[in-house]
Amino acid sequence: MTQAKDLTPAPTIPVAALATVLGALHDPVRLEMVRRLSNAAAPVRCAALYDAINKSTATHHFKILREAGLIERLTIDGQTFQQLRTDAVEHVLPGLLPSIVDAANRADTPST
């Protein structure tokens, strides 16, 4: 059984102002990354958070989300994961993430 021997978070940045956070979430790729992280409710390997973009573009999007204070990077057993900073964002911008993720989930679900 493999245990998470090395759980090392990168230094965290404070959650940014509302305009910066909304700017980070405005991009459809970044919004999808946040939606997937929120729905997972746990750290997720980077490659599972995006489709149809290359690794360097994904790295750019992760950087913007980190600089807005929305996510943090973790190293677990030598693997890189991303984790949504739900509690920190909720403390600074109450209700914002649940509302945005709920709307993104509804938009992703085909209407009947």
Protein backbone atom coordinates (compact mmCIF):
# COMPACT_ATOMS: atom_id res chain seq x y z
CA MET A 1 0.00 0.00 0.00
CA THR A 2 1.47 3.33 -1.05
CA GLN A 3 1.23 6.15 1.44
CA ALA A 4 1.74 9.82 0.74
CA LYS A 5 5.25 10.03 2.22
CA ASP A 6 6.04 13.42 0.80
CA LEU A 7 3.17 15.88 1.05
CA THR A 8 4.84 19.19 0.31
CA PRO A 9 2.74 22.23 -0.53
CA ALA A 10 4.39 25.03 -2.45
CA PRO A 11 4.33 28.43 -0.72
CA THR A 12 0.82 29.84 -0.86
CA ILE A 13 -0.12 33.29 -2.04
CA PRO A 14 -2.97 35.17 -0.35
CA VAL A 15 -6.29 35.14 -2.17
CA ALA A 16 -6.32 38.12 -4.53
CA ALA A 17 -8.93 40.84 -4.84
CA LEU A 18 -12.27 40.01 -6.44
CA ALA A 19 -11.39 41.52 -9.82
CA THR A 20 -8.22 39.39 -10.06
CA VAL A 21 -10.02 36.21 -9.03
CA LEU A 22 -12.82 36.83 -11.54
CA GLY A 23 -10.22 37.59 -14.21
CA ALA A 24 -8.52 34.26 -13.51
CA LEU A 25 -11.85 32.43 -13.73
CA HIS A 26 -12.93 34.26 -16.88
CA ASP A 27 -10.86 31.98 -19.12
CA PRO A 28 -12.79 28.80 -20.04
CA VAL A 29 -9.75 26.54 -19.55
CA ARG A 30 -9.06 27.86 -16.06
CA LEU A 31 -12.74 27.71 -15.15
CA GLU A 32 -12.79 24.05 -16.20
CA MET A 33 -9.68 23.36 -14.11
CA VAL A 34 -11.33 24.91 -11.04
CA ARG A 35 -14.58 23.05 -11.75
CA ARG A 36 -12.75 19.71 -11.89
CA LEU A 37 -10.79 20.48 -8.73
CA SER A 38 -13.94 21.48 -6.88
CA ASN A 39 -15.86 18.42 -8.00
CA ALA A 40 -12.96 16.16 -6.97
CA ALA A 41 -12.76 17.74 -3.50
CA ALA A 42 -9.18 16.44 -3.24
CA PRO A 43 -5.80 17.08 -4.83
CA VAL A 44 -5.77 16.10 -8.53
CA ARG A 45 -2.86 15.25 -10.82
CA CYS A 46 -2.22 18.11 -13.19
CA ALA A 47 -2.86 16.18 -16.42
CA ALA A 48 -6.36 15.26 -15.26
CA LEU A 49 -7.35 18.93 -15.13
CA TYR A 50 -7.16 19.81 -18.82
CA ASP A 51 -7.87 18.55 -22.31
CA ALA A 52 -6.80 19.80 -25.74
CA ILE A 53 -3.96 22.06 -24.56
CA ASN A 54 -0.27 21.34 -24.24
CA LYS A 55 1.65 21.09 -20.99
CA SER A 56 3.28 24.51 -21.26
CA THR A 57 -0.09 26.19 -21.78
CA ALA A 58 -1.49 24.29 -18.81
CA THR A 59 1.48 25.46 -16.72
CA HIS A 60 0.63 29.06 -17.68
CA HIS A 61 -3.00 28.58 -16.59
CA PHE A 62 -1.94 26.97 -13.29
CA LYS A 63 0.34 29.95 -12.62
CA ILE A 64 -2.51 32.42 -13.11
CA LEU A 65 -4.78 30.43 -10.79
CA ARG A 66 -2.00 30.20 -8.16
CA GLU A 67 -1.28 33.94 -8.39
CA ALA A 68 -4.97 34.64 -7.81
CA GLY A 69 -4.74 32.45 -4.70
CA LEU A 70 -7.25 29.91 -6.00
CA ILE A 71 -5.05 26.81 -6.10
CA GLU A 72 -1.89 25.45 -4.58
CA ARG A 73 0.59 22.95 -5.97
CA LEU A 74 1.40 19.85 -3.94
CA THR A 75 4.08 17.21 -4.40
CA ILE A 76 2.91 13.78 -3.26
CA ASP A 77 5.33 10.86 -3.66
CA GLY A 78 7.22 12.83 -6.30
CA GLN A 79 4.06 13.54 -8.34
CA THR A 80 2.68 17.06 -8.87
CA PHE A 81 -0.92 17.70 -7.88
CA GLN A 82 -3.10 20.80 -7.74
CA GLN A 83 -5.53 21.53 -4.93
CA LEU A 84 -8.28 24.11 -4.72
CA ARG A 85 -7.89 26.49 -1.76
CA THR A 86 -11.57 26.32 -0.91
CA ASP A 87 -11.34 27.46 2.71
CA ALA A 88 -9.03 30.38 1.96
CA VAL A 89 -11.18 31.61 -0.92
CA GLU A 90 -14.38 31.16 1.11
CA HIS A 91 -12.86 33.22 3.93
CA VAL A 92 -11.99 36.14 1.62
CA LEU A 93 -14.81 35.86 -0.93
CA PRO A 94 -17.72 34.03 0.75
CA GLY A 95 -19.97 32.08 -1.60
CA LEU A 96 -18.03 32.91 -4.74
CA LEU A 97 -16.55 29.50 -5.59
CA PRO A 98 -19.68 27.45 -4.88
CA SER A 99 -21.74 29.81 -7.06
CA ILE A 100 -19.27 29.77 -9.94
CA VAL A 101 -18.69 26.01 -9.80
CA ASP A 102 -22.43 25.35 -9.61
CA ALA A 103 -23.02 27.52 -12.68
CA ALA A 104 -20.14 25.80 -14.52
CA ASN A 105 -21.54 22.38 -13.63
CA ARG A 106 -24.97 23.36 -14.93
CA ALA A 107 -23.44 24.71 -18.15
CA ASP A 108 -21.53 21.45 -18.60
CA THR A 109 -24.68 19.34 -18.22
CA PRO A 110 -26.72 19.02 -21.43
CA SER A 111 -30.27 20.28 -20.98
CA THR A 112 -33.09 17.81 -21.42
